[in-house]
Amino acid sequence: MDETTDARPPRLNEDWLSVCIGLFIFLLSLGPFCGVDLLGWEVTTSIWTTPMGALKAVSKSYAGWSGLVSLAATFIFLMAVLGLGAASLRLNVKRFLSGFTVVFFVSYLCWFLGSWAYIAATPDKRKALGVAWSMSLTPEAGFIVALIAGLIVANFLPRVTVSIKEAIRPELYIKTAIVVLGGFLGVTAAEQLRLATAIMFQGVCAIIVAYLVFWAVVYYVARRFFGFSREWAAPLASGISICGVSAAIATGSAIKARPIVPIMVSSLVVIFAVVELMALPFVAQAFLSHEPMVAGAWMGLAVKTDGAAVASGAITEALIQARALSEGIRYQPGWIMGVSATVKVFIDAFIGVWAFLLAWIWSAKIEHRTGQRVRAREIWERFPKFIFGYMATFLAVLAIGLLAPGLLGKTKAAMGEANILRTIFFVMTFFSIGAVSNFRKLWEEGIGRLALVYILCLFGFIIWVGLAISWLFFHGIRPPLA
């Protein structure tokens, strides 16, 4: 192939390509249902105190593989799949593969560093790991490390950025990750159906209220007081008020925003999720120790990334359990974190509905010309196609859990394997976001004002209204006693 990108129109766009890759990974993860483990060779990284032994194959079926062999196998698999994807996009495949090699290994190194026990271990895991203290950031700290690494490359190593630009594709990586995420969340939803029906109903009601209140207020603040255009205000409202990265990307696609818009919002989402993770569980312990389910729901509504929200629920549960034990009360484990996961899963599941509504509103109201009828094709063109993949994997796994509960354990293991690749796609996303984020350009685009909107809305409004909604729907409900 020559040194230029193929000028012919692509066979697929990134939206549909992400659906294809995500569904392919999902189908491979179902191998155990046919008696064959097709993804068990993937590399997984444990929270570690010494580097040796941190890497290993995710499945016991491949226990004889060393961590480095699993890492190599994971890289080769992704390089092959994404190389075919690059060909379908009519990219220069040779340049893509050389750039992807850099993106993959730098990103994975960042994830590895973020998994160091002194950074990642939550309070409930310190004793087992033999560490007296930690920053309690969970392995999601790797996203921050990857973002910083990307920013260093973009701003101090511009020649490196140019040499790997074919493989710097944050939207492709994040959309593929979201398709795979659907199956993982489907398992969580199926498991949480075992919670009391009342809690499930309360969770759904709380989410609907949060969507209707949070989104509208953030959008209004961004437009009215900070002068952001609709292109910026809508993804910002979704990212701050709903579920962070996934919602910002879906909203950006639905309204046809420039790629830089959801990318900048996503960066802020991850940074502020870490701040919330470090602070809110301790606030919950101090003021909500006698309302544990309120505390759990609050984590799900307030913390904007999936991993950080569930981790916040786990930390909150550990802190409140400790306080309750000092008073002679022993709650059954899992319920506080369970309500955090329940609220977060239903927030995520609503992304598809919200994306459709925004696609219709932008077609029918915002960019509609007077006298013209809104065509279904316009809404179809706006609707982010990767949402179909996300909903397909979510509903398929949820159906398995509901119709064949006996298979839930096997399904959970299968989605756990798929989730390994989802994590890798996420960390490559944040390295890529950093690599396309020149500080000067970010400032010109208004990231300073964007951060001000985020701070004002999150800490001045969303956290406290989320607490009020959690109190309204979960006040008086307590976990069963052990």
Protein backbone atom coordinates (compact mmCIF):
# COMPACT_ATOMS: atom_id res chain seq x y z
CA MET A 1 0.00 0.00 0.00
CA ASP A 2 1.26 3.50 -0.78
CA GLU A 3 2.04 6.10 1.82
CA THR A 4 -1.24 7.99 1.50
CA THR A 5 -4.65 7.22 2.87
CA ASP A 6 -6.96 5.52 0.36
CA ALA A 7 -9.08 8.23 -1.31
CA ARG A 8 -11.99 5.89 -2.05
CA PRO A 9 -15.07 6.19 0.23
CA PRO A 10 -14.86 3.91 3.30
CA ARG A 11 -16.81 0.68 3.43
CA LEU A 12 -17.91 1.56 6.96
CA ASN A 13 -17.87 4.68 9.09
CA GLU A 14 -16.46 4.60 12.64
CA ASP A 15 -19.95 4.38 14.13
CA TRP A 16 -20.83 1.14 12.34
CA LEU A 17 -17.31 -0.21 12.67
CA SER A 18 -17.53 0.12 16.44
CA VAL A 19 -20.78 -1.88 16.37
CA CYS A 20 -19.13 -4.63 14.29
CA ILE A 21 -16.04 -4.89 16.48
CA GLY A 22 -18.02 -4.68 19.73
CA LEU A 23 -20.48 -7.38 18.68
CA PHE A 24 -17.63 -9.58 17.45
CA ILE A 25 -15.96 -9.39 20.87
CA PHE A 26 -19.32 -10.02 22.54
CA LEU A 27 -19.94 -13.14 20.45
CA LEU A 28 -16.45 -14.46 21.16
CA SER A 29 -17.06 -14.00 24.88
CA LEU A 30 -20.04 -16.39 24.64
CA GLY A 31 -17.70 -19.24 23.70
CA PRO A 32 -18.09 -20.99 27.10
CA PHE A 33 -21.74 -21.63 26.26
CA CYS A 34 -20.42 -23.87 23.45
CA GLY A 35 -17.76 -25.43 25.63
CA VAL A 36 -14.80 -23.38 24.35
CA ASP A 37 -13.07 -20.41 25.98
CA LEU A 38 -12.25 -18.01 23.13
CA LEU A 39 -11.11 -14.99 25.14
CA GLY A 40 -9.59 -16.51 28.27
CA TRP A 41 -6.06 -15.79 27.03
CA GLU A 42 -6.53 -12.01 27.48
CA VAL A 43 -4.21 -10.27 29.86
CA THR A 44 -5.62 -8.92 33.10
CA THR A 45 -3.79 -6.70 35.57
CA SER A 46 -4.25 -7.17 39.29
CA ILE A 47 -3.75 -4.43 41.84
CA TRP A 48 -0.10 -5.01 42.69
CA THR A 49 2.59 -4.21 45.22
CA THR A 50 5.41 -5.87 43.26
CA PRO A 51 5.35 -5.89 39.44
CA MET A 52 6.13 -9.59 39.07
CA GLY A 53 2.95 -11.57 38.82
CA ALA A 54 0.66 -8.58 38.27
CA LEU A 55 -0.13 -9.73 34.73
CA LYS A 56 -1.87 -13.02 34.01
CA ALA A 57 -4.40 -14.64 31.69
CA VAL A 58 -7.95 -13.84 32.70
CA SER A 59 -9.20 -17.44 32.59
CA LYS A 60 -8.02 -20.48 34.53
CA SER A 61 -8.21 -22.36 31.22
CA TYR A 62 -5.01 -20.51 30.28
CA ALA A 63 -3.36 -20.62 33.69
CA GLY A 64 -0.18 -22.02 32.12
CA TRP A 65 0.34 -18.85 30.09
CA SER A 66 2.67 -16.21 31.49
CA GLY A 67 1.40 -12.67 31.84
CA LEU A 68 3.70 -11.41 29.09
CA VAL A 69 2.45 -14.08 26.67
CA SER A 70 -1.15 -13.07 27.44
CA LEU A 71 -0.21 -9.42 26.88
CA ALA A 72 1.33 -10.29 23.51
CA ALA A 73 -1.72 -12.35 22.53
CA THR A 74 -4.04 -9.48 23.48
CA PHE A 75 -2.01 -7.05 21.41
CA ILE A 76 -1.91 -9.34 18.36
CA PHE A 77 -5.67 -9.94 18.54
CA LEU A 78 -6.51 -6.24 18.75
CA MET A 79 -3.97 -5.35 16.09
CA ALA A 80 -5.57 -7.88 13.70
CA VAL A 81 -9.15 -6.79 14.40
CA LEU A 82 -8.42 -3.07 14.28
CA GLY A 83 -6.14 -3.50 11.27
CA LEU A 84 -9.11 -4.94 9.35
CA GLY A 85 -11.17 -2.04 10.65
CA ALA A 86 -8.57 0.44 9.41
CA ALA A 87 -8.75 -1.18 5.98
CA SER A 88 -12.54 -0.83 5.96
CA LEU A 89 -12.10 2.88 6.78
CA ARG A 90 -9.66 3.18 3.83
CA LEU A 91 -6.84 4.26 6.16
CA ASN A 92 -3.17 3.65 5.51
CA VAL A 93 -3.03 0.25 7.25
CA LYS A 94 0.76 0.21 7.61
CA ARG A 95 0.78 3.58 9.37
CA PHE A 96 -2.22 2.60 11.47
CA LEU A 97 -0.58 -0.59 12.72
CA SER A 98 2.71 1.13 13.58
CA GLY A 99 0.81 3.88 15.40
CA PHE A 100 -1.46 1.39 17.14
CA THR A 101 1.57 -0.44 18.52
CA VAL A 102 2.59 2.75 20.32
CA VAL A 103 -0.96 3.56 21.45
CA PHE A 104 -1.54 0.07 22.84
CA PHE A 105 1.68 -0.38 24.79
CA VAL A 106 1.81 3.16 26.20
CA SER A 107 -1.85 2.89 27.21
CA TYR A 108 -1.39 -0.48 28.86
CA LEU A 109 1.67 0.75 30.71
CA CYS A 110 -0.47 3.60 32.06
CA TRP A 111 -3.13 1.13 33.20
CA PHE A 112 -0.41 -0.98 34.85
CA LEU A 113 0.96 2.05 36.72
CA GLY A 114 -2.53 3.07 37.78
CA SER A 115 -3.02 -0.40 39.30
CA TRP A 116 -0.17 0.04 41.83
CA ALA A 117 -1.63 -0.75 45.26
CA TYR A 118 -0.59 2.56 46.80
CA ILE A 119 -2.62 4.30 44.11
CA ALA A 120 -5.48 1.88 43.40
CA ALA A 121 -6.30 -0.08 46.57
CA THR A 122 -9.56 0.90 48.26
CA PRO A 123 -9.71 0.78 52.09
CA ASP A 124 -11.43 -2.63 52.13
CA LYS A 125 -8.53 -4.18 50.17
CA ARG A 126 -5.50 -2.68 51.93
CA LYS A 127 -5.16 -5.42 54.54
CA ALA A 128 -5.16 -8.21 51.95
CA LEU A 129 -2.56 -6.37 49.90
CA GLY A 130 -0.39 -5.60 52.91
CA VAL A 131 -0.40 -1.81 52.51
CA ALA A 132 -1.06 0.58 55.37
CA TRP A 133 -2.33 3.42 53.20
CA SER A 134 -3.31 4.15 49.62
CA MET A 135 -4.84 6.89 47.50
CA SER A 136 -7.95 4.67 47.02
CA LEU A 137 -8.35 5.69 43.37
CA THR A 138 -9.07 2.14 42.05
CA PRO A 139 -7.35 1.02 38.82
CA GLU A 140 -9.34 3.74 37.04
CA ALA A 141 -6.42 5.95 38.04
CA GLY A 142 -4.88 4.41 34.91
CA PHE A 143 -7.26 6.55 32.85
CA ILE A 144 -5.80 9.67 34.42
CA VAL A 145 -2.24 8.44 33.84
CA ALA A 146 -3.10 7.70 30.20
CA LEU A 147 -4.65 11.13 29.75
CA ILE A 148 -1.54 12.80 31.19
CA ALA A 149 0.73 10.68 28.97
CA GLY A 150 -1.30 11.71 25.93
CA LEU A 151 -1.10 15.38 26.90
CA ILE A 152 2.68 15.12 27.23
CA VAL A 153 2.92 13.60 23.76
CA ALA A 154 0.60 16.23 22.24
CA ASN A 155 2.31 19.22 23.78
CA PHE A 156 5.97 18.22 24.08
CA LEU A 157 6.48 15.51 21.45
CA PRO A 158 4.57 16.80 18.42
CA ARG A 159 6.56 14.67 15.99
CA VAL A 160 5.44 11.53 17.83
CA THR A 161 1.85 12.72 17.59
CA VAL A 162 2.18 13.12 13.83
CA SER A 163 3.81 9.71 13.42
CA ILE A 164 0.97 7.88 15.21
CA LYS A 165 -1.96 10.05 14.14
CA GLU A 166 -3.58 7.25 12.05
CA ALA A 167 -4.12 5.26 15.26
CA ILE A 168 -5.25 8.16 17.47
CA ARG A 169 -8.97 7.44 17.17
CA PRO A 170 -10.65 8.13 20.52
CA GLU A 171 -14.20 7.92 19.14
CA LEU A 172 -13.64 4.50 17.57
CA TYR A 173 -12.14 3.15 20.78
CA ILE A 174 -14.77 4.59 23.13
CA LYS A 175 -17.72 3.57 20.96
CA THR A 176 -16.42 0.00 20.71
CA ALA A 177 -15.92 -0.02 24.47
CA ILE A 178 -19.50 1.13 25.04
CA VAL A 179 -20.90 -1.67 22.85
CA VAL A 180 -18.97 -4.21 24.95
CA LEU A 181 -20.01 -2.40 28.15
CA GLY A 182 -23.66 -3.15 27.39
CA GLY A 183 -23.16 -6.87 28.07
CA PHE A 184 -21.28 -6.21 31.30
CA LEU A 185 -24.04 -3.92 32.54
CA GLY A 186 -26.65 -6.48 31.49
CA VAL A 187 -25.13 -8.98 33.95
CA THR A 188 -25.14 -6.36 36.69
CA ALA A 189 -28.78 -5.52 35.97
CA ALA A 190 -29.77 -9.19 36.02
CA GLU A 191 -27.99 -9.71 39.34
CA GLN A 192 -29.53 -6.64 40.89
CA LEU A 193 -33.00 -7.88 39.97
CA ARG A 194 -32.51 -10.12 42.95
CA LEU A 195 -32.71 -7.06 45.14
CA ALA A 196 -36.06 -6.15 46.65
CA THR A 197 -38.59 -5.05 44.01
CA ALA A 198 -39.20 -1.86 45.96
CA ILE A 199 -35.55 -0.88 45.67
CA MET A 200 -35.59 -1.47 41.91
CA PHE A 201 -38.69 0.70 41.53
CA GLN A 202 -37.20 3.42 43.69
CA GLY A 203 -34.03 3.35 41.62
CA VAL A 204 -35.84 3.78 38.31
CA CYS A 205 -37.91 6.66 39.70
CA ALA A 206 -34.82 8.37 41.07
CA ILE A 207 -33.08 8.10 37.69
CA ILE A 208 -35.99 9.60 35.75
CA VAL A 209 -36.14 12.53 38.16
CA ALA A 210 -32.38 13.01 37.94
CA TYR A 211 -32.41 13.00 34.13
CA LEU A 212 -35.21 15.53 33.86
CA VAL A 213 -33.82 17.89 36.51
CA PHE A 214 -30.05 17.64 36.07
CA TRP A 215 -29.82 17.83 32.30
CA ALA A 216 -32.12 20.81 31.89
CA VAL A 217 -30.41 22.89 34.59
CA VAL A 218 -26.86 22.19 33.40
CA TYR A 219 -27.84 22.98 29.81
CA TYR A 220 -29.46 26.24 30.92
CA VAL A 221 -26.44 27.28 33.03
CA ALA A 222 -24.00 26.55 30.20
CA ARG A 223 -26.08 28.52 27.69
CA ARG A 224 -27.38 31.38 29.82
CA PHE A 225 -24.48 32.22 32.13
CA PHE A 226 -21.43 31.00 30.22
CA GLY A 227 -22.54 31.65 26.66
CA PHE A 228 -21.78 28.17 25.27
CA SER A 229 -23.37 27.18 21.99
CA ARG A 230 -25.82 24.28 21.82
CA GLU A 231 -23.03 22.15 20.36
CA TRP A 232 -21.10 22.52 23.62
CA ALA A 233 -23.98 22.79 26.10
CA ALA A 234 -25.72 19.51 25.19
CA PRO A 235 -22.73 17.11 25.56
CA LEU A 236 -21.64 19.03 28.65
CA ALA A 237 -25.11 18.64 30.19
CA SER A 238 -25.12 14.91 29.45
CA GLY A 239 -21.57 14.38 30.70
CA ILE A 240 -22.06 16.27 33.96
CA SER A 241 -25.59 15.26 34.78
CA ILE A 242 -26.06 11.71 33.49
CA CYS A 243 -23.27 9.20 33.21
CA GLY A 244 -20.14 10.88 32.07
CA VAL A 245 -18.10 9.65 29.15
CA SER A 246 -20.70 7.38 27.53
CA ALA A 247 -23.42 10.01 27.63
CA ALA A 248 -21.14 12.77 26.32
CA ILE A 249 -20.07 10.63 23.35
CA ALA A 250 -23.65 9.54 22.56
CA THR A 251 -24.94 13.11 22.80
CA GLY A 252 -22.14 14.47 20.62
CA SER A 253 -23.02 11.90 17.96
CA ALA A 254 -26.75 12.61 18.19
CA ILE A 255 -26.36 16.35 17.61
CA LYS A 256 -23.46 16.02 15.13
CA ALA A 257 -21.02 17.92 17.34
CA ARG A 258 -17.36 18.22 16.35
CA PRO A 259 -15.22 15.41 17.81
CA ILE A 260 -13.33 17.84 20.08
CA VAL A 261 -16.52 18.57 22.05
CA PRO A 262 -17.26 15.18 23.67
CA ILE A 263 -13.52 14.54 23.94
CA MET A 264 -12.98 17.61 26.15
CA VAL A 265 -16.06 16.82 28.23
CA SER A 266 -14.87 13.24 28.71
CA SER A 267 -11.52 14.45 30.03
CA LEU A 268 -13.23 16.57 32.66
CA VAL A 269 -15.59 13.73 33.60
CA VAL A 270 -12.74 11.38 34.50
CA ILE A 271 -10.77 14.02 36.42
CA PHE A 272 -13.74 15.07 38.54
CA ALA A 273 -14.88 11.46 39.09
CA VAL A 274 -11.57 10.86 40.86
CA VAL A 275 -12.18 13.92 43.08
CA GLU A 276 -15.65 12.63 43.98
CA LEU A 277 -14.31 9.13 44.64
CA MET A 278 -11.83 10.50 47.15
CA ALA A 279 -14.31 12.73 49.00
CA LEU A 280 -17.96 11.62 48.85
CA PRO A 281 -17.73 8.23 50.62
CA PHE A 282 -16.28 9.93 53.70
CA VAL A 283 -19.03 12.56 53.63
CA ALA A 284 -21.56 9.72 53.40
CA GLN A 285 -20.02 7.96 56.40
CA ALA A 286 -20.10 11.16 58.46
CA PHE A 287 -23.71 12.13 57.74
CA LEU A 288 -25.55 9.08 56.34
CA SER A 289 -24.34 6.18 58.45
CA HIS A 290 -27.95 5.61 59.61
CA GLU A 291 -29.32 5.86 56.07
CA PRO A 292 -27.03 3.39 54.24
CA MET A 293 -29.24 2.91 51.18
CA VAL A 294 -29.48 6.67 50.70
CA ALA A 295 -25.68 6.77 50.77
CA GLY A 296 -25.41 4.01 48.18
CA ALA A 297 -27.92 5.60 45.82
CA TRP A 298 -26.15 8.95 46.21
CA MET A 299 -22.90 7.44 44.94
CA GLY A 300 -24.71 6.09 41.88
CA LEU A 301 -26.31 9.44 41.08
CA ALA A 302 -23.37 11.72 41.87
CA VAL A 303 -20.26 9.94 40.57
CA LYS A 304 -20.10 10.07 36.79
CA THR A 305 -18.08 7.08 35.59
CA ASP A 306 -19.22 3.48 36.01
CA GLY A 307 -16.11 2.15 37.73
CA ALA A 308 -15.77 5.14 40.03
CA ALA A 309 -19.48 5.02 40.95
CA VAL A 310 -19.39 1.34 41.90
CA ALA A 311 -16.04 1.81 43.67
CA SER A 312 -17.53 4.73 45.60
CA GLY A 313 -20.39 2.45 46.62
CA ALA A 314 -17.89 -0.18 47.79
CA ILE A 315 -15.88 2.34 49.82
CA THR A 316 -19.07 3.81 51.27
CA GLU A 317 -20.26 0.34 52.25
CA ALA A 318 -16.96 -0.45 53.97
CA LEU A 319 -16.98 2.84 55.89
CA ILE A 320 -20.64 2.60 56.93
CA GLN A 321 -20.29 -1.08 57.87
CA ALA A 322 -17.39 -0.13 60.14
CA ARG A 323 -19.44 2.65 61.77
CA ALA A 324 -22.44 0.33 62.19
CA LEU A 325 -20.32 -2.42 63.76
CA SER A 326 -19.06 0.04 66.37
CA GLU A 327 -22.73 0.49 67.31
CA GLY A 328 -23.45 -3.24 67.40
CA ILE A 329 -25.21 -3.35 63.99
CA ARG A 330 -24.11 -5.80 61.29
CA TYR A 331 -25.65 -5.33 57.85
CA GLN A 332 -25.58 -8.03 55.21
CA PRO A 333 -22.75 -7.18 52.79
CA GLY A 334 -23.38 -6.09 49.22
CA TRP A 335 -26.60 -4.12 49.60
CA ILE A 336 -25.13 -0.61 49.80
CA MET A 337 -22.81 -1.19 46.86
CA GLY A 338 -25.67 -3.03 45.14
CA VAL A 339 -27.94 -0.01 45.17
CA SER A 340 -25.09 2.13 43.79
CA ALA A 341 -24.66 -0.34 40.93
CA THR A 342 -28.44 -0.57 40.36
CA VAL A 343 -28.86 3.18 40.03
CA LYS A 344 -25.80 3.46 37.79
CA VAL A 345 -26.87 0.60 35.50
CA PHE A 346 -30.30 2.07 34.87
CA ILE A 347 -28.78 5.47 34.21
CA ASP A 348 -26.51 3.87 31.61
CA ALA A 349 -29.34 1.83 30.09
CA PHE A 350 -31.28 5.04 29.45
CA ILE A 351 -28.53 6.44 27.21
CA GLY A 352 -30.14 4.99 24.09
CA VAL A 353 -33.50 6.60 24.83
CA TRP A 354 -31.84 9.94 25.55
CA ALA A 355 -29.77 9.81 22.36
CA PHE A 356 -32.90 9.17 20.31
CA LEU A 357 -34.74 12.07 21.97
CA LEU A 358 -31.86 14.44 21.32
CA ALA A 359 -31.54 13.29 17.70
CA TRP A 360 -35.25 14.00 17.20
CA ILE A 361 -35.13 17.39 18.98
CA TRP A 362 -32.12 18.56 16.96
CA SER A 363 -33.76 17.41 13.71
CA ALA A 364 -37.26 18.72 14.47
CA LYS A 365 -36.57 21.85 16.51
CA ILE A 366 -32.98 23.07 16.69
CA GLU A 367 -31.75 22.75 13.10
CA HIS A 368 -35.11 22.42 11.37
CA ARG A 369 -35.95 24.90 8.61
CA THR A 370 -39.36 26.53 8.65
CA GLY A 371 -41.78 24.92 6.23
CA GLN A 372 -39.84 21.67 5.94
CA ARG A 373 -41.14 18.42 7.32
CA VAL A 374 -38.83 16.41 9.53
CA ARG A 375 -37.94 13.20 7.75
CA ALA A 376 -37.25 9.96 9.55
CA ARG A 377 -34.00 9.77 7.60
CA GLU A 378 -32.72 12.93 9.29
CA ILE A 379 -33.26 11.41 12.72
CA TRP A 380 -31.68 8.16 11.53
CA GLU A 381 -28.60 9.98 10.25
CA ARG A 382 -28.18 11.77 13.57
CA PHE A 383 -28.78 8.79 15.81
CA PRO A 384 -25.47 7.28 17.02
CA LYS A 385 -25.43 3.77 15.59
CA PHE A 386 -23.17 2.34 18.25
CA ILE A 387 -26.12 2.67 20.63
CA PHE A 388 -27.74 -0.23 18.74
CA GLY A 389 -24.77 -2.43 19.61
CA TYR A 390 -24.84 -1.22 23.22
CA MET A 391 -28.54 -1.97 23.63
CA ALA A 392 -28.23 -5.32 21.81
CA THR A 393 -25.54 -6.63 24.16
CA PHE A 394 -27.32 -5.23 27.23
CA LEU A 395 -30.71 -6.73 26.36
CA ALA A 396 -29.25 -10.06 25.22
CA VAL A 397 -27.45 -10.60 28.52
CA LEU A 398 -30.39 -9.30 30.57
CA ALA A 399 -32.67 -11.75 28.75
CA ILE A 400 -30.32 -14.65 29.55
CA GLY A 401 -30.32 -13.63 33.20
CA LEU A 402 -34.10 -13.40 33.37
CA LEU A 403 -35.04 -16.42 31.26
CA ALA A 404 -32.28 -18.78 32.41
CA PRO A 405 -31.09 -17.70 35.87
CA GLY A 406 -29.02 -20.87 36.14
CA LEU A 407 -26.76 -19.56 33.39
CA LEU A 408 -26.10 -16.25 35.12
CA GLY A 409 -22.82 -17.42 36.65
CA LYS A 410 -21.46 -18.55 33.28
CA THR A 411 -22.74 -15.34 31.67
CA LYS A 412 -21.02 -13.21 34.30
CA ALA A 413 -17.71 -14.98 33.66
CA ALA A 414 -18.12 -14.50 29.90
CA MET A 415 -18.86 -10.78 30.23
CA GLY A 416 -15.94 -10.44 32.63
CA GLU A 417 -13.66 -11.64 29.84
CA ALA A 418 -15.21 -9.22 27.34
CA ASN A 419 -14.87 -6.45 29.90
CA ILE A 420 -11.08 -6.84 29.86
CA LEU A 421 -11.04 -5.61 26.27
CA ARG A 422 -13.54 -2.90 27.15
CA THR A 423 -11.09 -1.62 29.76
CA ILE A 424 -8.23 -1.63 27.25
CA PHE A 425 -10.35 0.30 24.75
CA PHE A 426 -11.18 2.82 27.48
CA VAL A 427 -7.57 3.41 28.46
CA MET A 428 -6.57 3.77 24.78
CA THR A 429 -9.39 6.30 24.49
CA PHE A 430 -7.94 8.51 27.19
CA PHE A 431 -4.42 8.31 25.84
CA SER A 432 -5.82 9.29 22.44
CA ILE A 433 -7.85 12.12 23.96
CA GLY A 434 -4.67 13.50 25.52
CA ALA A 435 -2.72 13.01 22.28
CA VAL A 436 -5.12 15.23 20.32
CA SER A 437 -5.36 17.85 23.08
CA ASN A 438 -2.93 20.67 22.55
CA PHE A 439 -3.11 23.00 25.57
CA ARG A 440 -3.17 26.11 23.43
CA LYS A 441 -6.01 24.78 21.29
CA LEU A 442 -7.92 23.56 24.33
CA TRP A 443 -7.72 26.99 25.88
CA GLU A 444 -8.86 28.60 22.64
CA GLU A 445 -11.81 26.20 22.54
CA GLY A 446 -12.76 27.26 26.07
CA ILE A 447 -11.77 24.37 28.35
CA GLY A 448 -11.27 26.86 31.21
CA ARG A 449 -14.89 28.00 31.02
CA LEU A 450 -15.95 24.38 30.50
CA ALA A 451 -14.27 23.40 33.76
CA LEU A 452 -15.98 26.30 35.55
CA VAL A 453 -19.39 25.08 34.39
CA TYR A 454 -18.47 21.60 35.58
CA ILE A 455 -17.35 22.80 39.01
CA LEU A 456 -20.34 25.09 39.47
CA CYS A 457 -22.94 22.52 38.45
CA LEU A 458 -21.38 19.44 40.03
CA PHE A 459 -20.44 20.84 43.42
CA GLY A 460 -23.02 23.61 43.58
CA PHE A 461 -26.04 21.65 42.41
CA ILE A 462 -25.86 18.06 41.16
CA ILE A 463 -24.23 16.44 44.18
CA TRP A 464 -26.73 17.99 46.60
CA VAL A 465 -29.83 17.52 44.48
CA GLY A 466 -28.67 13.94 43.90
CA LEU A 467 -28.54 13.56 47.67
CA ALA A 468 -32.05 14.99 47.98
CA ILE A 469 -33.38 12.60 45.32
CA SER A 470 -31.66 9.67 47.02
CA TRP A 471 -33.17 10.69 50.34
CA LEU A 472 -36.63 11.07 48.79
CA PHE A 473 -36.65 7.58 47.29
CA PHE A 474 -34.50 5.56 49.74
CA HIS A 475 -35.10 7.20 53.12
CA GLY A 476 -35.98 4.60 55.73
CA ILE A 477 -34.91 1.60 53.63
CA ARG A 478 -32.12 -0.40 55.25
CA PRO A 479 -30.16 -3.49 54.26
CA PRO A 480 -31.18 -6.72 56.03
CA LEU A 481 -29.18 -7.57 59.13
CA ALA A 482 -26.58 -10.31 58.97
